[in-house]
Amino acid sequence: MLQNLGIMRTFRTRRVVGILIMMLFPTMMLMAQGTAPTDMKSFRGKNGTSYVFYVTGTKEGRFWGGQNNVYTDDSPLNVAAVHAGLVKAGETKAIKVAVMAGQSSYPSITRNGVTSIQYGSYAGSYKLSAPGSNECPAAPDNMKSFRGLNGKSFTFRVTGKTDGRIWGGQNNVYTDDSNIATAVVHAGILRAGQSGNVTIKIMSGQASYPSLSRNGVKSTSYGKYDGSYQLMASNSSSSTSSTGSSSTTSSSTTSSSTTSYATAQEAPYNMTGYRGKNGTSYLFYVKGESSGRFWGGQNNIYTDDSPLNVAAVHAGLVRPGERKVIKVTVMAGQSSYPSITRNGVTSIKYGSYAGSYKLSASDQNEVLMAPEHMKSFRGQNGKSFTFRVTGKTDGRIWGGQNNVYTDDSNIATAVVHAGILRAGQSGNVVIKVMSGQASYPSLSRNGVKSISYGKYDGSYQIIGIDE
């Protein structure tokens, strides 16, 4: 990035950074294209074509425009994304970039702590927005370009295959140059040719990667290596590692002796990652879908590689597009899985298979433990959810005016800030999902100070204690 203000605009250079670019096709499938340039100059002329990038926000760098999130095509994406309110500085997130024709002018605008530069007519532009919920980026070949982002998770659309090279696989941990499409088959998450959304967690390098033969694929052994990834088979955003129903002894402001408290996670794509834990039940948030390949359904029993969101519609537990908590019980493999048509979807017949799960409705008396934040509920504006929350004061929160916070604000800290609970106190709290706001002012209340922020894409409002 050029910092010398004396260099003419027409001679700006670009550098390659570790940003993954995924091309958006009309079917909403996003194809990976490797590392991207800092800006979009090399895409000039492809007007109307959209791409998705993973970018890490920064407030450093010179950029031009920003009206309606439209920038000159030589503006650095990672700064423009912060200016547009799509990502915070230091945060890594997917953004959508649409190539546009040049504009007659680019006004200077101050937003989210950064100020763009004014410019006149220029030959190329791009427009930034948030990817849609159905715009899951396709997986890159491997995760080397994500090395160093340890602990962070990314979700990709993957189609399984068996001819890629992979190293390791113990606990689903692979070297970060292992082919993702082959690793998901090796891990039992997808079959060859089967597509699904897979969550991948970045990890540090390991001392060794043993060779394992699983699901028709054999990995290669390797010694010490600098980077790894782990296949999670889950889009989890829960603040706790616990899964399944569990009772609690924490004090309550509203509890009764007949209420149990349970932890619900974001649903994995399927249950292959839980194979062997027969008899164990889990609660998952699932958003129903009516398209996808799945097997079985007799007595609501499916092969464990059947997508949960489609099987839940087939079982009548959720409608397409509806988000709900379902109960999933891990079972042993069955000798056969008949084809059944129910609720507008038809399962596929299959013979003997190694693992199964059974779907049922969650217990009406179970109050769900709160996730860390409400980002996974974005878009369900106006809907309210009740969670069991224990207040704390060390989480990061943005806003709080009228008890409205950015949807990535820590819930346990927000309830203290809002005066609903004290630190260490537990209660059942009602939270309403809201649209993004134009600004989130900083407020000091109840021993907690929130952070100010500009425009952001999603919010939630703390309504109060559920009596």
Protein backbone atom coordinates (compact mmCIF):
# COMPACT_ATOMS: atom_id res chain seq x y z
CA MET A 1 0.00 0.00 0.00
CA LEU A 2 1.49 3.31 -1.00
CA GLN A 3 1.89 5.78 1.83
CA ASN A 4 3.84 8.42 -0.13
CA LEU A 5 1.36 11.20 -0.80
CA GLY A 6 3.56 12.61 -3.52
CA ILE A 7 3.09 9.67 -5.86
CA MET A 8 0.57 10.34 -8.61
CA ARG A 9 -2.77 8.53 -8.41
CA THR A 10 -2.29 6.88 -11.80
CA PHE A 11 0.86 5.17 -10.53
CA ARG A 12 -0.58 3.51 -7.46
CA THR A 13 0.65 -0.02 -7.04
CA ARG A 14 -1.09 -2.98 -5.50
CA ARG A 15 0.10 -5.85 -3.37
CA VAL A 16 -1.25 -9.33 -2.88
CA VAL A 17 -2.66 -10.06 0.55
CA GLY A 18 -4.09 -13.16 2.16
CA ILE A 19 -7.70 -12.53 1.23
CA LEU A 20 -9.71 -15.37 -0.22
CA ILE A 21 -11.87 -14.49 -3.21
CA MET A 22 -14.91 -16.50 -4.13
CA MET A 23 -16.68 -15.81 -7.44
CA LEU A 24 -20.46 -15.50 -7.28
CA PHE A 25 -22.42 -17.34 -9.98
CA PRO A 26 -26.15 -16.82 -10.72
CA THR A 27 -26.95 -20.01 -8.77
CA MET A 28 -25.46 -18.35 -5.66
CA MET A 29 -22.62 -20.91 -5.62
CA LEU A 30 -19.40 -19.05 -4.82
CA MET A 31 -16.23 -20.40 -6.38
CA ALA A 32 -12.80 -19.88 -4.84
CA GLN A 33 -10.19 -18.10 -6.96
CA GLY A 34 -7.18 -17.94 -4.64
CA THR A 35 -5.67 -14.83 -3.11
CA ALA A 36 -6.98 -11.48 -4.24
CA PRO A 37 -5.29 -8.17 -4.92
CA THR A 38 -5.76 -5.45 -2.35
CA ASP A 39 -8.22 -3.67 -4.62
CA MET A 40 -10.48 -4.48 -7.59
CA LYS A 41 -8.59 -2.83 -10.44
CA SER A 42 -7.79 -6.17 -12.07
CA PHE A 43 -11.56 -6.89 -12.24
CA ARG A 44 -12.39 -3.64 -14.05
CA GLY A 45 -14.89 -4.10 -16.87
CA LYS A 46 -16.63 -7.12 -15.31
CA ASN A 47 -19.53 -4.86 -14.39
CA GLY A 48 -22.40 -6.57 -12.60
CA THR A 49 -20.29 -9.54 -11.50
CA SER A 50 -20.14 -10.13 -7.76
CA TYR A 51 -17.47 -11.78 -5.64
CA VAL A 52 -17.06 -12.72 -1.99
CA PHE A 53 -13.83 -12.11 -0.10
CA TYR A 54 -12.68 -12.91 3.40
CA VAL A 55 -11.06 -9.65 4.55
CA THR A 56 -9.42 -8.54 7.77
CA GLY A 57 -10.51 -5.00 8.53
CA THR A 58 -8.06 -2.16 9.03
CA LYS A 59 -8.32 1.60 9.47
CA GLU A 60 -4.97 2.21 7.74
CA GLY A 61 -4.87 3.10 4.06
CA ARG A 62 -5.99 5.68 1.49
CA PHE A 63 -9.36 5.11 -0.23
CA TRP A 64 -11.83 7.15 -2.25
CA GLY A 65 -15.62 7.60 -2.08
CA GLY A 66 -18.05 5.45 -0.14
CA GLN A 67 -21.41 7.01 -0.98
CA ASN A 68 -23.90 4.11 -1.04
CA ASN A 69 -20.83 1.94 -0.30
CA VAL A 70 -19.43 2.65 -3.79
CA TYR A 71 -15.63 3.16 -3.96
CA THR A 72 -13.01 3.65 -6.68
CA ASP A 73 -11.76 0.23 -7.75
CA ASP A 74 -8.23 1.01 -6.53
CA SER A 75 -9.45 1.58 -2.96
CA PRO A 76 -8.15 -1.13 -0.58
CA LEU A 77 -10.96 -3.55 0.30
CA ASN A 78 -9.94 -4.03 3.92
CA VAL A 79 -10.23 -0.29 4.72
CA ALA A 80 -13.36 0.25 2.64
CA ALA A 81 -15.07 -2.65 4.41
CA VAL A 82 -14.51 -0.95 7.78
CA HIS A 83 -15.73 2.36 6.37
CA ALA A 84 -18.88 0.61 5.06
CA GLY A 85 -19.55 -0.93 8.49
CA LEU A 86 -19.26 -4.51 7.22
CA VAL A 87 -16.27 -5.46 9.35
CA LYS A 88 -14.47 -4.02 12.36
CA ALA A 89 -10.75 -3.28 12.41
CA GLY A 90 -8.92 -6.52 13.16
CA GLU A 91 -11.99 -8.65 12.44
CA THR A 92 -11.92 -11.22 9.62
CA LYS A 93 -15.22 -11.59 7.81
CA ALA A 94 -16.79 -12.31 4.43
CA ILE A 95 -17.92 -9.35 2.34
CA LYS A 96 -19.61 -9.16 -1.05
CA VAL A 97 -18.06 -7.00 -3.77
CA ALA A 98 -19.93 -6.04 -6.94
CA VAL A 99 -17.92 -4.62 -9.85
CA MET A 100 -19.34 -1.37 -11.22
CA ALA A 101 -18.61 1.18 -13.91
CA GLY A 102 -16.66 4.29 -13.07
CA GLN A 103 -18.53 7.19 -11.46
CA SER A 104 -18.42 10.91 -12.19
CA SER A 105 -17.43 11.73 -8.61
CA TYR A 106 -16.53 10.12 -5.29
CA PRO A 107 -17.32 12.33 -2.25
CA SER A 108 -15.33 12.27 0.97
CA ILE A 109 -17.30 10.60 3.80
CA THR A 110 -16.43 9.96 7.45
CA ARG A 111 -17.86 6.75 8.91
CA ASN A 112 -16.86 4.18 11.50
CA GLY A 113 -13.69 6.02 12.46
CA VAL A 114 -12.24 6.40 8.95
CA THR A 115 -12.51 9.16 6.34
CA SER A 116 -12.41 8.58 2.60
CA ILE A 117 -10.79 10.98 0.12
CA GLN A 118 -12.77 12.97 -2.42
CA TYR A 119 -12.11 12.30 -6.10
CA GLY A 120 -13.60 13.27 -9.44
CA SER A 121 -14.34 11.06 -12.43
CA TYR A 122 -12.61 7.66 -12.36
CA ALA A 123 -12.66 4.63 -14.66
CA GLY A 124 -13.80 1.85 -12.31
CA SER A 125 -15.74 1.25 -9.10
CA TYR A 126 -16.98 -1.44 -6.76
CA LYS A 127 -19.84 -1.63 -4.29
CA LEU A 128 -19.68 -3.41 -0.91
CA SER A 129 -22.46 -5.30 0.86
CA ALA A 130 -22.94 -8.23 3.22
CA PRO A 131 -23.26 -11.69 1.62
CA GLY A 132 -26.73 -13.21 1.69
CA SER A 133 -27.47 -16.18 3.93
CA ASN A 134 -27.56 -18.43 0.85
CA GLU A 135 -24.25 -17.12 -0.47
CA CYS A 136 -21.84 -19.48 1.23
CA PRO A 137 -18.37 -19.18 -0.32
CA ALA A 138 -16.97 -22.32 -1.93
CA ALA A 139 -13.96 -23.82 -0.22
CA PRO A 140 -10.44 -23.02 -1.39
CA ASP A 141 -8.13 -25.91 -2.17
CA ASN A 142 -6.56 -25.66 1.29
CA MET A 143 -6.32 -23.29 4.27
CA LYS A 144 -2.72 -22.06 3.99
CA SER A 145 -3.81 -18.48 3.28
CA PHE A 146 -5.64 -18.47 6.66
CA ARG A 147 -2.56 -19.53 8.68
CA GLY A 148 -2.13 -17.58 11.91
CA LEU A 149 -5.83 -16.91 12.49
CA ASN A 150 -5.77 -19.58 15.20
CA GLY A 151 -9.08 -20.27 16.90
CA LYS A 152 -11.17 -18.58 14.22
CA SER A 153 -13.71 -20.58 12.23
CA PHE A 154 -14.87 -20.19 8.64
CA THR A 155 -17.76 -21.86 6.82
CA PHE A 156 -17.44 -22.99 3.21
CA ARG A 157 -19.47 -24.88 0.66
CA VAL A 158 -17.56 -28.10 -0.07
CA THR A 159 -18.09 -30.94 -2.53
CA GLY A 160 -16.37 -34.09 -1.39
CA LYS A 161 -13.76 -35.89 -3.52
CA THR A 162 -11.20 -38.61 -2.91
CA ASP A 163 -8.22 -37.73 -5.14
CA GLY A 164 -6.65 -34.86 -3.20
CA ARG A 165 -3.59 -35.10 -0.98
CA ILE A 166 -4.09 -34.85 2.78
CA TRP A 167 -1.84 -35.23 5.80
CA GLY A 168 -3.02 -36.33 9.25
CA GLY A 169 -6.67 -36.46 10.27
CA GLN A 170 -6.46 -37.47 13.92
CA ASN A 171 -9.37 -35.69 15.66
CA ASN A 172 -10.12 -34.29 12.19
CA VAL A 173 -6.95 -32.16 12.33
CA TYR A 174 -4.99 -31.84 9.07
CA THR A 175 -1.99 -29.85 7.84
CA ASP A 176 -3.27 -26.57 6.46
CA ASP A 177 -2.08 -27.47 2.95
CA SER A 178 -4.29 -30.59 2.94
CA ASN A 179 -6.99 -30.64 0.27
CA ILE A 180 -10.26 -29.67 1.97
CA ALA A 181 -12.58 -31.55 -0.40
CA THR A 182 -10.74 -34.80 0.29
CA ALA A 183 -10.38 -34.15 4.03
CA VAL A 184 -14.16 -33.86 4.47
CA VAL A 185 -14.61 -37.32 2.94
CA HIS A 186 -11.79 -38.73 5.08
CA ALA A 187 -13.43 -37.23 8.18
CA GLY A 188 -16.81 -38.73 7.26
CA ILE A 189 -18.52 -35.36 6.96
CA LEU A 190 -19.43 -35.70 3.27
CA ARG A 191 -19.38 -38.46 0.68
CA ALA A 192 -17.52 -38.10 -2.60
CA GLY A 193 -19.70 -35.95 -4.87
CA GLN A 194 -21.89 -34.78 -1.99
CA SER A 195 -21.99 -31.04 -1.22
CA GLY A 196 -22.53 -29.32 2.11
CA ASN A 197 -21.58 -26.37 4.30
CA VAL A 198 -18.60 -27.26 6.47
CA THR A 199 -17.07 -25.21 9.28
CA ILE A 200 -13.28 -25.21 9.50
CA LYS A 201 -11.32 -24.03 12.53
CA ILE A 202 -7.80 -22.66 12.16
CA MET A 203 -5.24 -24.26 14.48
CA SER A 204 -1.54 -23.95 15.20
CA GLY A 205 0.95 -26.39 13.75
CA GLN A 206 1.21 -29.83 15.35
CA ALA A 207 4.23 -31.92 16.29
CA SER A 208 3.07 -34.78 14.07
CA TYR A 209 0.28 -35.85 11.72
CA PRO A 210 -0.27 -39.64 11.71
CA SER A 211 -1.54 -41.49 8.65
CA LEU A 212 -5.15 -42.72 8.96
CA SER A 213 -7.36 -44.81 6.64
CA ARG A 214 -11.03 -43.79 6.86
CA ASN A 215 -14.03 -43.75 4.55
CA GLY A 216 -12.06 -45.01 1.55
CA VAL A 217 -9.32 -42.39 1.86
CA LYS A 218 -5.83 -42.80 3.33
CA SER A 219 -4.00 -39.74 4.60
CA THR A 220 -0.22 -39.35 4.52
CA SER A 221 1.83 -39.15 7.71
CA TYR A 222 3.96 -36.08 8.36
CA GLY A 223 6.11 -34.69 11.14
CA LYS A 224 6.14 -31.19 12.55
CA TYR A 225 4.36 -28.60 10.40
CA ASP A 226 3.62 -24.90 10.80
CA GLY A 227 -0.17 -24.75 10.36
CA SER A 228 -3.28 -26.90 10.77
CA TYR A 229 -7.03 -26.85 10.43
CA GLN A 230 -9.75 -28.89 12.09
CA LEU A 231 -13.01 -29.93 10.45
CA MET A 232 -15.78 -29.08 12.88
CA ALA A 233 -18.88 -30.18 10.92
CA SER A 234 -20.72 -27.47 12.84
CA ASN A 235 -21.59 -23.79 12.52
CA SER A 236 -21.43 -23.36 16.30
CA SER A 237 -21.55 -19.89 17.84
CA SER A 238 -22.25 -21.05 21.36
CA SER A 239 -20.17 -19.58 24.13
CA THR A 240 -19.98 -22.94 25.85
CA SER A 241 -18.44 -26.17 24.68
CA SER A 242 -21.17 -28.22 26.28
CA THR A 243 -23.79 -29.82 24.09
CA GLY A 244 -27.01 -31.61 24.77
CA SER A 245 -29.43 -31.20 27.64
CA SER A 246 -28.08 -30.62 31.12
CA SER A 247 -29.50 -29.50 34.42
CA THR A 248 -28.07 -26.54 36.27
CA THR A 249 -27.79 -25.49 39.89
CA SER A 250 -27.23 -21.79 39.29
CA SER A 251 -29.46 -19.42 41.19
CA SER A 252 -32.43 -18.01 39.29
CA THR A 253 -34.48 -14.89 39.44
CA THR A 254 -37.37 -16.65 37.74
CA SER A 255 -36.77 -20.39 37.98
CA SER A 256 -39.14 -23.17 38.92
CA SER A 257 -38.40 -26.68 40.05
CA THR A 258 -39.84 -28.16 36.84
CA THR A 259 -37.64 -26.18 34.46
CA SER A 260 -34.40 -27.60 33.08
CA TYR A 261 -31.76 -25.59 31.27
CA ALA A 262 -30.21 -26.80 28.05
CA THR A 263 -27.48 -25.67 25.68
CA ALA A 264 -28.38 -25.42 22.01
CA GLN A 265 -25.76 -25.03 19.30
CA GLU A 266 -25.90 -24.01 15.69
CA ALA A 267 -26.67 -27.19 13.78
CA PRO A 268 -23.84 -29.01 12.04
CA TYR A 269 -24.45 -29.89 8.42
CA ASN A 270 -25.00 -33.50 9.43
CA MET A 271 -24.17 -35.83 12.35
CA THR A 272 -21.22 -37.81 11.01
CA GLY A 273 -18.94 -36.00 13.46
CA TYR A 274 -20.98 -37.49 16.33
CA ARG A 275 -20.96 -41.10 15.10
CA GLY A 276 -20.48 -43.64 17.88
CA LYS A 277 -22.03 -41.48 20.62
CA ASN A 278 -25.12 -43.66 20.51
CA GLY A 279 -27.94 -42.65 22.84
CA THR A 280 -26.60 -39.11 23.33
CA SER A 281 -29.03 -36.31 22.50
CA TYR A 282 -28.25 -32.77 21.37
CA LEU A 283 -30.25 -29.59 20.85
CA PHE A 284 -29.52 -27.66 17.66
CA TYR A 285 -30.79 -24.50 16.03
CA VAL A 286 -31.77 -25.46 12.50
CA LYS A 287 -33.19 -23.44 9.62
CA GLY A 288 -35.41 -25.63 7.48
CA GLU A 289 -34.66 -26.26 3.82
CA SER A 290 -36.57 -28.32 1.27
CA SER A 291 -33.69 -29.04 -1.13
CA GLY A 292 -30.88 -31.50 -0.53
CA ARG A 293 -30.16 -35.22 -0.65
CA PHE A 294 -31.01 -37.26 2.46
CA TRP A 295 -31.67 -40.90 3.25
CA GLY A 296 -34.36 -42.69 5.25
CA GLY A 297 -36.84 -41.09 7.65
CA GLN A 298 -38.82 -44.07 8.95
CA ASN A 299 -39.68 -43.22 12.58
CA ASN A 300 -37.66 -40.03 11.92
CA ILE A 301 -34.43 -42.05 11.65
CA TYR A 302 -31.96 -40.92 8.98
CA THR A 303 -28.43 -41.81 7.89
CA ASP A 304 -26.03 -39.65 9.88
CA ASP A 305 -24.76 -37.96 6.71
CA SER A 306 -28.24 -36.66 5.91
CA PRO A 307 -28.41 -32.83 6.17
CA LEU A 308 -30.23 -31.86 9.36
CA ASN A 309 -32.02 -28.86 7.87
CA VAL A 310 -33.74 -30.96 5.18
CA ALA A 311 -34.42 -33.96 7.43
CA ALA A 312 -36.07 -31.65 9.99
CA VAL A 313 -38.51 -30.44 7.30
CA HIS A 314 -39.17 -34.05 6.24
CA ALA A 315 -39.84 -34.98 9.89
CA GLY A 316 -42.33 -32.11 10.24
CA LEU A 317 -40.35 -30.36 12.98
CA VAL A 318 -39.64 -27.16 11.05
CA ARG A 319 -40.92 -25.46 7.88
CA PRO A 320 -38.62 -24.32 5.05
CA GLY A 321 -37.10 -20.97 6.04
CA GLU A 322 -38.20 -21.36 9.68
CA ARG A 323 -35.58 -21.39 12.42
CA LYS A 324 -36.25 -23.65 15.38
CA VAL A 325 -34.61 -25.85 18.01
CA ILE A 326 -34.76 -29.60 17.36
CA LYS A 327 -33.57 -32.57 19.35
CA VAL A 328 -31.17 -35.02 17.67
CA THR A 329 -30.35 -38.43 19.16
CA VAL A 330 -27.34 -40.35 17.86
CA MET A 331 -28.11 -43.96 16.93
CA ALA A 332 -26.31 -47.00 15.56
CA GLY A 333 -26.40 -47.72 11.85
CA GLN A 334 -29.47 -49.44 10.46
CA SER A 335 -29.77 -52.31 7.99
CA SER A 336 -31.91 -50.24 5.63
CA TYR A 337 -33.32 -46.75 5.13
CA PRO A 338 -36.55 -46.67 3.08
CA SER A 339 -37.54 -43.80 0.78
CA ILE A 340 -40.43 -41.78 2.27
CA THR A 341 -42.31 -38.73 0.98
CA ARG A 342 -43.47 -36.31 3.69
CA ASN A 343 -44.03 -32.59 4.02
CA GLY A 344 -43.14 -31.90 0.40
CA VAL A 345 -39.77 -33.68 0.38
CA THR A 346 -38.77 -37.22 -0.54
CA SER A 347 -35.89 -39.12 1.02
CA ILE A 348 -33.63 -41.53 -0.88
CA LYS A 349 -33.61 -45.26 -0.25
CA TYR A 350 -30.36 -46.75 1.08
CA GLY A 351 -29.15 -50.08 2.39
CA SER A 352 -26.94 -50.78 5.40
CA TYR A 353 -25.04 -47.74 6.70
CA ALA A 354 -22.67 -47.15 9.61
CA GLY A 355 -24.46 -44.38 11.54
CA SER A 356 -27.90 -42.85 12.13
CA TYR A 357 -29.72 -40.15 14.02
CA LYS A 358 -33.31 -39.68 15.16
CA LEU A 359 -35.13 -36.35 15.19
CA SER A 360 -37.71 -35.15 17.71
CA ALA A 361 -39.08 -31.89 19.14
CA SER A 362 -37.23 -30.24 22.01
CA ASP A 363 -38.76 -30.37 25.49
CA GLN A 364 -41.13 -27.45 26.11
CA ASN A 365 -39.74 -27.11 29.65
CA GLU A 366 -36.15 -26.62 28.52
CA VAL A 367 -34.88 -23.04 28.58
CA LEU A 368 -31.89 -22.63 26.28
CA MET A 369 -28.59 -21.36 27.57
CA ALA A 370 -27.64 -18.11 25.86
CA PRO A 371 -25.13 -18.14 23.02
CA GLU A 372 -22.22 -15.70 23.19
CA HIS A 373 -23.99 -13.26 20.87
CA MET A 374 -26.91 -13.10 18.42
CA LYS A 375 -25.13 -12.94 15.04
CA SER A 376 -26.49 -16.32 13.95
CA PHE A 377 -30.04 -14.95 14.43
CA ARG A 378 -29.49 -12.00 12.08
CA GLY A 379 -32.37 -11.39 9.68
CA GLN A 380 -35.09 -12.75 11.96
CA ASN A 381 -36.15 -9.21 12.77
CA GLY A 382 -39.02 -8.89 15.21
CA LYS A 383 -38.69 -12.40 16.60
CA SER A 384 -37.99 -12.89 20.31
CA PHE A 385 -36.05 -15.68 22.02
CA THR A 386 -35.74 -16.60 25.69
CA PHE A 387 -32.35 -17.67 27.02
CA ARG A 388 -30.84 -18.57 30.36
CA VAL A 389 -28.13 -15.98 31.02
CA THR A 390 -25.58 -15.52 33.80
CA GLY A 391 -24.37 -11.92 33.95
CA LYS A 392 -20.72 -10.97 33.62
CA THR A 393 -18.79 -7.74 33.05
CA ASP A 394 -15.76 -8.70 30.94
CA GLY A 395 -17.32 -9.12 27.50
CA ARG A 396 -17.18 -6.62 24.64
CA ILE A 397 -20.42 -4.79 23.78
CA TRP A 398 -21.33 -1.99 21.36
CA GLY A 399 -24.18 0.47 21.93
CA GLY A 400 -26.93 -0.04 24.51
CA GLN A 401 -29.22 2.92 23.87
CA ASN A 402 -32.76 1.68 24.57
CA ASN A 403 -31.04 -1.65 25.35
CA VAL A 404 -30.18 -2.11 21.66
CA TYR A 405 -26.74 -3.59 20.93
CA THR A 406 -24.85 -4.77 17.84
CA ASP A 407 -25.68 -8.44 17.33
CA ASP A 408 -22.05 -9.43 17.96
CA SER A 409 -22.15 -7.90 21.45
CA ASN A 410 -21.64 -10.34 24.32
CA ILE A 411 -25.08 -11.16 25.76
CA ALA A 412 -23.90 -11.95 29.29
CA THR A 413 -22.27 -8.50 29.57
CA ALA A 414 -25.11 -6.67 27.81
CA VAL A 415 -27.67 -7.89 30.39
CA VAL A 416 -25.54 -6.37 33.17
CA HIS A 417 -25.08 -3.15 31.22
CA ALA A 418 -28.87 -2.99 30.66
CA GLY A 419 -29.53 -3.54 34.38
CA ILE A 420 -31.43 -6.79 33.81
CA LEU A 421 -29.05 -8.97 35.85
CA ARG A 422 -26.08 -8.42 38.11
CA ALA A 423 -22.70 -10.05 37.48
CA GLY A 424 -22.97 -13.68 38.60
CA GLN A 425 -26.77 -13.59 38.73
CA SER A 426 -28.76 -15.93 36.46
CA GLY A 427 -32.17 -15.48 34.91
CA ASN A 428 -34.31 -16.16 31.86
CA VAL A 429 -33.96 -13.16 29.53
CA VAL A 430 -36.05 -12.28 26.48
CA ILE A 431 -34.05 -10.95 23.51
CA LYS A 432 -35.59 -9.47 20.36
CA VAL A 433 -33.77 -9.58 17.02
CA MET A 434 -33.62 -6.22 15.24
CA SER A 435 -32.27 -4.75 12.04
CA GLY A 436 -28.96 -2.92 11.92
CA GLN A 437 -28.83 0.64 13.23
CA ALA A 438 -27.17 3.76 11.86
CA SER A 439 -25.09 4.18 15.02
CA TYR A 440 -24.45 2.66 18.43
CA PRO A 441 -23.40 5.27 21.02
CA SER A 442 -21.13 4.41 23.94
CA LEU A 443 -22.90 4.31 27.32
CA SER A 444 -21.63 3.75 30.87
CA ARG A 445 -24.16 1.91 33.03
CA ASN A 446 -24.10 -0.47 35.95
CA GLY A 447 -20.31 -0.66 36.06
CA VAL A 448 -19.96 -1.50 32.36
CA LYS A 449 -19.00 0.84 29.52
CA SER A 450 -20.05 -0.06 25.99
CA ILE A 451 -18.07 0.85 22.86
CA SER A 452 -19.39 3.29 20.27
CA TYR A 453 -19.81 2.13 16.69
CA GLY A 454 -21.23 3.44 13.45
CA LYS A 455 -23.55 1.68 11.03
CA TYR A 456 -23.77 -2.09 11.52
CA ASP A 457 -25.80 -4.84 9.87
CA GLY A 458 -27.58 -6.44 12.81
CA SER A 459 -28.83 -5.69 16.31
CA TYR A 460 -30.67 -7.16 19.24
CA GLN A 461 -32.71 -5.59 22.01
CA ILE A 462 -32.84 -6.89 25.57
CA ILE A 463 -36.53 -6.88 26.50
CA GLY A 464 -36.30 -8.06 30.11
CA ILE A 465 -36.77 -11.00 32.45
CA ASP A 466 -39.21 -13.71 31.37
CA GLU A 467 -41.59 -13.95 34.30
